[in-house]
Amino acid sequence: MRKYDINGLGLLLATTGLLVLSGCTLASPIDRLVAYANSPTAAAQTVATIQPTFTSTPLVTATATKTPTPTVTPIPTDTPTPTVTTTPTATRTPTPGPTATPTVPPPPPPPTNTPEPTATSAPHWDYQVSELYNQPTEANILSIMVAIQNQNGGFIPGLRLVGVDPNGIVTKSELSADKTIGHTPPGQVVKSGNTKFEPISNYVTGPWTFHLESPDGAQVSDVFTIDMDSENRSWYFFRFAPG
């Protein structure tokens, strides 16, 4: 038994020397090396191949990276431009001068007697209207009986009645006579006159104006107005007397 161990040791040394001479290293595979026993009865032994041990590499665990919260950058605020304040210039107050003594005005003159305005007398006409009379009628003709008489009732000749209708048409009667020339229409009241006025225009509604005039066309009485209505016709009587 010891002999076998010695032989085995010798074989191992021989093999090692062979490896050195052949340039092999210990790191080279030795799977194919076969040891033979010096004894002819020894059986060949297979040398177990040393398997390299693999060291497991630890897996790299991904570490979650914490993303920082973005910081909000404040928006810059415009700084208002300062307003230039104008400092008012001090006003120089003038030194008051001496106050003038007011002059007392002289007293007003005494009032003078103002003469009262002279009253303008109305024009004096030679004749005045002493009577105006009218009665309803159905006649289509405007008829005015005129009596020009003195204080004793006598008729005065040589005068005429002038009438102007609302349209400005002028109508003149015949000159008055020194006696009666006609009468008003029959009725409860009948008037007599020494001239008669009957215009061509007949009845015209509106104001009519009348006055008495002399033979040479001079006005000798005041002007008076009578409103006439063609729907409510009347006959008229005018009496004039010296003024």
C-alpha atoms as a PDB file:
ATOM      1  CA  MET A   1       0.000   0.000   0.000  1.00  0.00           C
ATOM      2  CA  ARG A   2       2.772   2.462   0.784  1.00  0.00           C
ATOM      3  CA  LYS A   3       4.496   1.380  -2.390  1.00  0.00           C
ATOM      4  CA  TYR A   4       1.478   2.524  -4.382  1.00  0.00           C
ATOM      5  CA  ASP A   5       1.521   5.892  -2.756  1.00  0.00           C
ATOM      6  CA  ILE A   6       5.191   6.375  -3.510  1.00  0.00           C
ATOM      7  CA  ASN A   7       4.625   5.467  -7.099  1.00  0.00           C
ATOM      8  CA  GLY A   8       1.745   7.828  -7.328  1.00  0.00           C
ATOM      9  CA  LEU A   9       3.788  10.664  -5.915  1.00  0.00           C
ATOM     10  CA  GLY A  10       6.528  10.016  -8.369  1.00  0.00           C
ATOM     11  CA  LEU A  11       4.076  10.052 -11.207  1.00  0.00           C
ATOM     12  CA  LEU A  12       2.730  13.400 -10.039  1.00  0.00           C
ATOM     13  CA  LEU A  13       6.167  14.944  -9.918  1.00  0.00           C
ATOM     14  CA  ALA A  14       6.973  13.585 -13.365  1.00  0.00           C
ATOM     15  CA  THR A  15       3.834  15.057 -14.750  1.00  0.00           C
ATOM     16  CA  THR A  16       4.592  18.422 -13.226  1.00  0.00           C
ATOM     17  CA  GLY A  17       8.028  18.467 -14.741  1.00  0.00           C
ATOM     18  CA  LEU A  18       6.583  17.605 -18.116  1.00  0.00           C
ATOM     19  CA  LEU A  19       4.186  20.494 -17.875  1.00  0.00           C
ATOM     20  CA  VAL A  20       6.976  22.886 -17.086  1.00  0.00           C
ATOM     21  CA  LEU A  21       9.022  21.703 -20.051  1.00  0.00           C
ATOM     22  CA  SER A  22       6.082  21.938 -22.379  1.00  0.00           C
ATOM     23  CA  GLY A  23       5.248  25.542 -21.338  1.00  0.00           C
ATOM     24  CA  CYS A  24       1.988  24.674 -19.701  1.00  0.00           C
ATOM     25  CA  THR A  25       0.844  26.439 -16.632  1.00  0.00           C
ATOM     26  CA  LEU A  26      -1.210  25.386 -13.747  1.00  0.00           C
ATOM     27  CA  ALA A  27      -4.089  27.348 -15.142  1.00  0.00           C
ATOM     28  CA  SER A  28      -4.181  25.152 -18.256  1.00  0.00           C
ATOM     29  CA  PRO A  29      -6.764  22.377 -18.352  1.00  0.00           C
ATOM     30  CA  ILE A  30      -5.473  19.085 -17.127  1.00  0.00           C
ATOM     31  CA  ASP A  31      -8.350  17.011 -18.291  1.00  0.00           C
ATOM     32  CA  ARG A  32      -6.287  14.985 -20.668  1.00  0.00           C
ATOM     33  CA  LEU A  33      -3.428  14.036 -18.371  1.00  0.00           C
ATOM     34  CA  VAL A  34      -3.463  10.362 -17.568  1.00  0.00           C
ATOM     35  CA  ALA A  35      -1.382   8.872 -14.777  1.00  0.00           C
ATOM     36  CA  TYR A  36      -0.021   5.471 -15.217  1.00  0.00           C
ATOM     37  CA  ALA A  37       1.063   3.199 -12.392  1.00  0.00           C
ATOM     38  CA  ASN A  38       4.544   1.773 -12.446  1.00  0.00           C
ATOM     39  CA  SER A  39       2.998  -1.482 -11.584  1.00  0.00           C
ATOM     40  CA  PRO A  40       1.886  -3.421 -14.576  1.00  0.00           C
ATOM     41  CA  THR A  41      -1.281  -4.409 -12.754  1.00  0.00           C
ATOM     42  CA  ALA A  42      -2.202  -0.915 -11.812  1.00  0.00           C
ATOM     43  CA  ALA A  43      -5.240   0.458 -13.503  1.00  0.00           C
ATOM     44  CA  ALA A  44      -5.261   3.883 -15.083  1.00  0.00           C
ATOM     45  CA  GLN A  45      -6.910   6.622 -12.914  1.00  0.00           C
ATOM     46  CA  THR A  46      -8.744   9.546 -14.157  1.00  0.00           C
ATOM     47  CA  VAL A  47      -7.853  12.815 -12.436  1.00  0.00           C
ATOM     48  CA  ALA A  48     -10.876  14.854 -11.629  1.00  0.00           C
ATOM     49  CA  THR A  49     -11.023  18.130 -13.445  1.00  0.00           C
ATOM     50  CA  ILE A  50     -11.255  21.149 -11.194  1.00  0.00           C
ATOM     51  CA  GLN A  51     -14.278  23.185 -12.271  1.00  0.00           C
ATOM     52  CA  PRO A  52     -13.959  26.933 -11.848  1.00  0.00           C
ATOM     53  CA  THR A  53     -16.262  28.463  -9.350  1.00  0.00           C
ATOM     54  CA  PHE A  54     -18.420  31.215 -10.778  1.00  0.00           C
ATOM     55  CA  THR A  55     -19.099  34.098  -8.503  1.00  0.00           C
ATOM     56  CA  SER A  56     -22.509  35.585  -9.141  1.00  0.00           C
ATOM     57  CA  THR A  57     -22.405  39.261  -9.871  1.00  0.00           C
ATOM     58  CA  PRO A  58     -25.042  41.096  -7.912  1.00  0.00           C
ATOM     59  CA  LEU A  59     -27.694  42.733 -10.054  1.00  0.00           C
ATOM     60  CA  VAL A  60     -27.673  46.470 -10.043  1.00  0.00           C
ATOM     61  CA  THR A  61     -30.953  47.661  -8.616  1.00  0.00           C
ATOM     62  CA  ALA A  62     -32.145  50.826 -10.259  1.00  0.00           C
ATOM     63  CA  THR A  63     -32.651  53.474  -7.627  1.00  0.00           C
ATOM     64  CA  ALA A  64     -35.547  55.817  -8.320  1.00  0.00           C
ATOM     65  CA  THR A  65     -34.278  59.327  -8.759  1.00  0.00           C
ATOM     66  CA  LYS A  66     -36.476  61.936  -7.075  1.00  0.00           C
ATOM     67  CA  THR A  67     -37.150  64.730  -9.494  1.00  0.00           C
ATOM     68  CA  PRO A  68     -36.983  68.071  -7.696  1.00  0.00           C
ATOM     69  CA  THR A  69     -40.118  70.204  -7.785  1.00  0.00           C
ATOM     70  CA  PRO A  70     -39.537  73.160 -10.108  1.00  0.00           C
ATOM     71  CA  THR A  71     -39.369  76.451  -8.320  1.00  0.00           C
ATOM     72  CA  VAL A  72     -41.818  79.091  -9.610  1.00  0.00           C
ATOM     73  CA  THR A  73     -39.905  82.144 -10.655  1.00  0.00           C
ATOM     74  CA  PRO A  74     -41.909  85.280  -9.686  1.00  0.00           C
ATOM     75  CA  ILE A  75     -42.732  87.705 -12.509  1.00  0.00           C
ATOM     76  CA  PRO A  76     -40.971  90.976 -11.925  1.00  0.00           C
ATOM     77  CA  THR A  77     -43.366  93.857 -11.148  1.00  0.00           C
ATOM     78  CA  ASP A  78     -42.825  97.116 -13.000  1.00  0.00           C
ATOM     79  CA  THR A  79     -41.842  99.762 -10.576  1.00  0.00           C
ATOM     80  CA  PRO A  80     -43.920 102.916 -11.331  1.00  0.00           C
ATOM     81  CA  THR A  81     -41.948 105.916 -12.341  1.00  0.00           C
ATOM     82  CA  PRO A  82     -42.136 108.441  -9.547  1.00  0.00           C
ATOM     83  CA  THR A  83     -44.134 111.548 -10.406  1.00  0.00           C
ATOM     84  CA  VAL A  84     -42.211 114.722 -10.214  1.00  0.00           C
ATOM     85  CA  THR A  85     -44.040 117.041  -7.859  1.00  0.00           C
ATOM     86  CA  THR A  86     -43.593 120.674  -8.670  1.00  0.00           C
ATOM     87  CA  THR A  87     -43.049 122.716  -5.607  1.00  0.00           C
ATOM     88  CA  PRO A  88     -45.064 125.930  -5.952  1.00  0.00           C
ATOM     89  CA  THR A  89     -43.002 129.030  -5.903  1.00  0.00           C
ATOM     90  CA  ALA A  90     -43.785 131.218  -2.994  1.00  0.00           C
ATOM     91  CA  THR A  91     -45.695 134.302  -4.077  1.00  0.00           C
ATOM     92  CA  ARG A  92     -44.414 137.492  -2.726  1.00  0.00           C
ATOM     93  CA  THR A  93     -47.181 139.386  -1.026  1.00  0.00           C
ATOM     94  CA  PRO A  94     -46.893 143.064  -1.855  1.00  0.00           C
ATOM     95  CA  THR A  95     -46.663 145.373   1.056  1.00  0.00           C
ATOM     96  CA  PRO A  96     -49.923 147.327   1.252  1.00  0.00           C
ATOM     97  CA  GLY A  97     -49.447 150.989   0.645  1.00  0.00           C
ATOM     98  CA  PRO A  98     -51.182 153.733   2.462  1.00  0.00           C
ATOM     99  CA  THR A  99     -54.959 153.648   2.111  1.00  0.00           C
ATOM    100  CA  ALA A 100     -56.366 156.679   0.348  1.00  0.00           C
ATOM    101  CA  THR A 101     -58.982 158.528   2.266  1.00  0.00           C
ATOM    102  CA  PRO A 102     -62.278 158.366   0.325  1.00  0.00           C
ATOM    103  CA  THR A 103     -63.498 161.658  -0.973  1.00  0.00           C
ATOM    104  CA  VAL A 104     -66.989 162.522   0.130  1.00  0.00           C
ATOM    105  CA  PRO A 105     -69.033 163.430  -2.967  1.00  0.00           C
ATOM    106  CA  PRO A 106     -70.876 166.694  -2.857  1.00  0.00           C
ATOM    107  CA  PRO A 107     -74.564 166.471  -2.044  1.00  0.00           C
ATOM    108  CA  PRO A 108     -76.849 166.154  -5.068  1.00  0.00           C
ATOM    109  CA  PRO A 109     -78.583 169.292  -6.208  1.00  0.00           C
ATOM    110  CA  PRO A 110     -82.140 169.708  -5.063  1.00  0.00           C
ATOM    111  CA  PRO A 111     -84.699 168.168  -7.405  1.00  0.00           C
ATOM    112  CA  THR A 112     -86.229 170.439  -9.933  1.00  0.00           C
ATOM    113  CA  ASN A 113     -89.879 170.441 -10.682  1.00  0.00           C
ATOM    114  CA  THR A 114     -90.420 168.299 -13.772  1.00  0.00           C
ATOM    115  CA  PRO A 115     -93.359 169.536 -15.751  1.00  0.00           C
ATOM    116  CA  GLU A 116     -96.045 166.956 -16.212  1.00  0.00           C
ATOM    117  CA  PRO A 117     -96.522 165.772 -19.777  1.00  0.00           C
ATOM    118  CA  THR A 118     -99.195 167.603 -21.609  1.00  0.00           C
ATOM    119  CA  ALA A 119    -102.117 165.370 -22.338  1.00  0.00           C
ATOM    120  CA  THR A 120    -102.620 164.925 -26.036  1.00  0.00           C
ATOM    121  CA  SER A 121    -106.155 165.774 -26.747  1.00  0.00           C
ATOM    122  CA  ALA A 122    -108.063 163.540 -29.092  1.00  0.00           C
ATOM    123  CA  PRO A 123    -108.736 165.088 -32.448  1.00  0.00           C
ATOM    124  CA  HIS A 124    -111.985 167.012 -32.449  1.00  0.00           C
ATOM    125  CA  TRP A 125    -114.292 166.065 -35.287  1.00  0.00           C
ATOM    126  CA  ASP A 126    -117.071 168.183 -36.617  1.00  0.00           C
ATOM    127  CA  TYR A 127    -119.558 165.303 -36.384  1.00  0.00           C
ATOM    128  CA  GLN A 128    -120.071 162.395 -34.004  1.00  0.00           C
ATOM    129  CA  VAL A 129    -122.135 159.217 -34.137  1.00  0.00           C
ATOM    130  CA  SER A 130    -125.230 159.817 -32.029  1.00  0.00           C
ATOM    131  CA  GLU A 131    -127.174 156.613 -32.793  1.00  0.00           C
ATOM    132  CA  LEU A 132    -126.530 153.093 -34.135  1.00  0.00           C
ATOM    133  CA  TYR A 133    -129.474 150.771 -34.719  1.00  0.00           C
ATOM    134  CA  ASN A 134    -130.031 147.442 -36.487  1.00  0.00           C
ATOM    135  CA  GLN A 135    -132.749 144.824 -37.057  1.00  0.00           C
ATOM    136  CA  PRO A 136    -132.519 141.265 -38.487  1.00  0.00           C
ATOM    137  CA  THR A 137    -133.368 140.861 -42.151  1.00  0.00           C
ATOM    138  CA  GLU A 138    -133.476 138.168 -44.794  1.00  0.00           C
ATOM    139  CA  ALA A 139    -132.373 140.493 -47.567  1.00  0.00           C
ATOM    140  CA  ASN A 140    -129.128 139.661 -49.369  1.00  0.00           C
ATOM    141  CA  ILE A 141    -128.298 143.340 -49.838  1.00  0.00           C
ATOM    142  CA  LEU A 142    -126.531 145.295 -47.118  1.00  0.00           C
ATOM    143  CA  SER A 143    -128.563 148.469 -46.603  1.00  0.00           C
ATOM    144  CA  ILE A 144    -127.663 151.301 -44.217  1.00  0.00           C
ATOM    145  CA  MET A 145    -129.924 154.364 -43.835  1.00  0.00           C
ATOM    146  CA  VAL A 146    -127.969 157.474 -42.732  1.00  0.00           C
ATOM    147  CA  ALA A 147    -129.395 160.612 -41.126  1.00  0.00           C
ATOM    148  CA  ILE A 148    -127.147 163.684 -40.683  1.00  0.00           C
ATOM    149  CA  GLN A 149    -129.091 166.175 -38.582  1.00  0.00           C
ATOM    150  CA  ASN A 150    -128.542 169.336 -36.558  1.00  0.00           C
ATOM    151  CA  GLN A 151    -129.737 169.954 -33.000  1.00  0.00           C
ATOM    152  CA  ASN A 152    -133.214 170.892 -34.239  1.00  0.00           C
ATOM    153  CA  GLY A 153    -133.581 167.687 -36.290  1.00  0.00           C
ATOM    154  CA  GLY A 154    -133.040 169.353 -39.661  1.00  0.00           C
ATOM    155  CA  PHE A 155    -131.108 167.392 -42.292  1.00  0.00           C
ATOM    156  CA  ILE A 156    -127.600 168.612 -43.209  1.00  0.00           C
ATOM    157  CA  PRO A 157    -126.710 168.294 -46.894  1.00  0.00           C
ATOM    158  CA  GLY A 158    -123.342 167.792 -48.656  1.00  0.00           C
ATOM    159  CA  LEU A 159    -121.819 164.917 -46.588  1.00  0.00           C
ATOM    160  CA  ARG A 160    -121.327 161.218 -47.373  1.00  0.00           C
ATOM    161  CA  LEU A 161    -120.731 157.913 -45.508  1.00  0.00           C
ATOM    162  CA  VAL A 162    -117.511 156.008 -46.371  1.00  0.00           C
ATOM    163  CA  GLY A 163    -117.307 152.258 -45.619  1.00  0.00           C
ATOM    164  CA  VAL A 164    -114.392 149.773 -45.986  1.00  0.00           C
ATOM    165  CA  ASP A 165    -115.150 146.016 -45.987  1.00  0.00           C
ATOM    166  CA  PRO A 166    -112.816 143.293 -44.549  1.00  0.00           C
ATOM    167  CA  ASN A 167    -111.169 142.904 -47.972  1.00  0.00           C
ATOM    168  CA  GLY A 168    -110.260 146.590 -48.125  1.00  0.00           C
ATOM    169  CA  ILE A 169    -112.877 147.554 -50.720  1.00  0.00           C
ATOM    170  CA  VAL A 170    -114.018 151.164 -50.217  1.00  0.00           C
ATOM    171  CA  THR A 171    -117.622 152.221 -50.864  1.00  0.00           C
ATOM    172  CA  LYS A 172    -118.971 155.793 -50.631  1.00  0.00           C
ATOM    173  CA  SER A 173    -122.602 156.848 -50.426  1.00  0.00           C
ATOM    174  CA  GLU A 174    -124.197 159.697 -52.328  1.00  0.00           C
ATOM    175  CA  LEU A 175    -123.930 163.174 -50.815  1.00  0.00           C
ATOM    176  CA  SER A 176    -126.549 163.816 -48.162  1.00  0.00           C
ATOM    177  CA  ALA A 177    -129.637 165.837 -49.029  1.00  0.00           C
ATOM    178  CA  ASP A 178    -131.427 168.553 -47.059  1.00  0.00           C
ATOM    179  CA  LYS A 179    -134.513 166.357 -46.754  1.00  0.00           C
ATOM    180  CA  THR A 180    -135.597 162.774 -46.269  1.00  0.00           C
ATOM    181  CA  ILE A 181    -134.680 160.470 -49.191  1.00  0.00           C
ATOM    182  CA  GLY A 182    -135.877 157.102 -47.769  1.00  0.00           C
ATOM    183  CA  HIS A 183    -136.769 154.889 -44.832  1.00  0.00           C
ATOM    184  CA  THR A 184    -135.646 151.640 -43.231  1.00  0.00           C
ATOM    185  CA  PRO A 185    -137.558 148.405 -44.100  1.00  0.00           C
ATOM    186  CA  PRO A 186    -141.094 148.128 -42.693  1.00  0.00           C
ATOM    187  CA  GLY A 187    -141.322 146.773 -39.148  1.00  0.00           C
ATOM    188  CA  GLN A 188    -141.982 147.770 -35.586  1.00  0.00           C
ATOM    189  CA  VAL A 189    -139.338 150.504 -35.910  1.00  0.00           C
ATOM    190  CA  VAL A 190    -138.975 152.664 -39.025  1.00  0.00           C
ATOM    191  CA  LYS A 191    -136.128 155.161 -39.415  1.00  0.00           C
ATOM    192  CA  SER A 192    -135.758 157.955 -42.010  1.00  0.00           C
ATOM    193  CA  GLY A 193    -132.533 159.396 -43.479  1.00  0.00           C
ATOM    194  CA  ASN A 194    -131.112 161.868 -46.008  1.00  0.00           C
ATOM    195  CA  THR A 195    -128.553 159.450 -47.643  1.00  0.00           C
ATOM    196  CA  LYS A 196    -128.234 155.684 -48.101  1.00  0.00           C
ATOM    197  CA  PHE A 197    -125.246 153.307 -48.121  1.00  0.00           C
ATOM    198  CA  GLU A 198    -125.468 150.121 -50.225  1.00  0.00           C
ATOM    199  CA  PRO A 199    -122.047 148.606 -51.136  1.00  0.00           C
ATOM    200  CA  ILE A 200    -121.423 146.623 -54.302  1.00  0.00           C
ATOM    201  CA  SER A 201    -119.817 143.799 -52.326  1.00  0.00           C
ATOM    202  CA  ASN A 202    -123.050 143.325 -50.332  1.00  0.00           C
ATOM    203  CA  TYR A 203    -122.548 141.202 -47.196  1.00  0.00           C
ATOM    204  CA  VAL A 204    -118.951 140.246 -46.319  1.00  0.00           C
ATOM    205  CA  THR A 205    -118.365 138.598 -42.974  1.00  0.00           C
ATOM    206  CA  GLY A 206    -115.888 140.415 -40.761  1.00  0.00           C
ATOM    207  CA  PRO A 207    -115.176 143.894 -39.390  1.00  0.00           C
ATOM    208  CA  TRP A 208    -116.287 146.930 -41.410  1.00  0.00           C
ATOM    209  CA  THR A 209    -115.062 150.469 -40.709  1.00  0.00           C
ATOM    210  CA  PHE A 210    -117.083 153.639 -41.295  1.00  0.00           C
ATOM    211  CA  HIS A 211    -116.628 157.425 -41.087  1.00  0.00           C
ATOM    212  CA  LEU A 212    -118.224 160.610 -42.434  1.00  0.00           C
ATOM    213  CA  GLU A 213    -116.459 162.803 -44.961  1.00  0.00           C
ATOM    214  CA  SER A 214    -116.951 166.210 -46.579  1.00  0.00           C
ATOM    215  CA  PRO A 215    -117.562 166.806 -50.329  1.00  0.00           C
ATOM    216  CA  ASP A 216    -113.810 167.389 -50.872  1.00  0.00           C
ATOM    217  CA  GLY A 217    -112.901 164.034 -49.231  1.00  0.00           C
ATOM    218  CA  ALA A 218    -111.846 165.318 -45.785  1.00  0.00           C
ATOM    219  CA  GLN A 219    -112.713 163.134 -42.790  1.00  0.00           C
ATOM    220  CA  VAL A 220    -115.177 164.936 -40.490  1.00  0.00           C
ATOM    221  CA  SER A 221    -116.049 162.209 -37.969  1.00  0.00           C
ATOM    222  CA  ASP A 222    -114.334 159.522 -35.934  1.00  0.00           C
ATOM    223  CA  VAL A 223    -113.856 156.003 -37.389  1.00  0.00           C
ATOM    224  CA  PHE A 224    -115.935 153.227 -35.842  1.00  0.00           C
ATOM    225  CA  THR A 225    -116.148 149.457 -36.493  1.00  0.00           C
ATOM    226  CA  ILE A 226    -119.090 147.062 -36.865  1.00  0.00           C
ATOM    227  CA  ASP A 227    -118.714 143.265 -37.154  1.00  0.00           C
ATOM    228  CA  MET A 228    -121.054 141.785 -39.758  1.00  0.00           C
ATOM    229  CA  ASP A 229    -122.053 138.192 -40.392  1.00  0.00           C
ATOM    230  CA  SER A 230    -123.433 137.021 -43.709  1.00  0.00           C
ATOM    231  CA  GLU A 231    -125.226 134.156 -41.913  1.00  0.00           C
ATOM    232  CA  ASN A 232    -127.011 136.545 -39.512  1.00  0.00           C
ATOM    233  CA  ARG A 233    -127.838 139.551 -41.660  1.00  0.00           C
ATOM    234  CA  SER A 234    -129.294 142.849 -40.414  1.00  0.00           C
ATOM    235  CA  TRP A 235    -130.226 146.260 -41.776  1.00  0.00           C
ATOM    236  CA  TYR A 236    -128.633 149.294 -40.076  1.00  0.00           C
ATOM    237  CA  PHE A 237    -129.392 152.911 -39.217  1.00  0.00           C
ATOM    238  CA  PHE A 238    -126.654 155.505 -38.448  1.00  0.00           C
ATOM    239  CA  ARG A 239    -127.344 158.978 -37.072  1.00  0.00           C
ATOM    240  CA  PHE A 240    -124.695 161.762 -37.034  1.00  0.00           C
ATOM    241  CA  ALA A 241    -124.891 165.118 -35.278  1.00  0.00           C
ATOM    242  CA  PRO A 242    -122.542 168.122 -35.086  1.00  0.00           C
ATOM    243  CA  GLY A 243    -119.874 167.667 -32.399  1.00  0.00           C
END
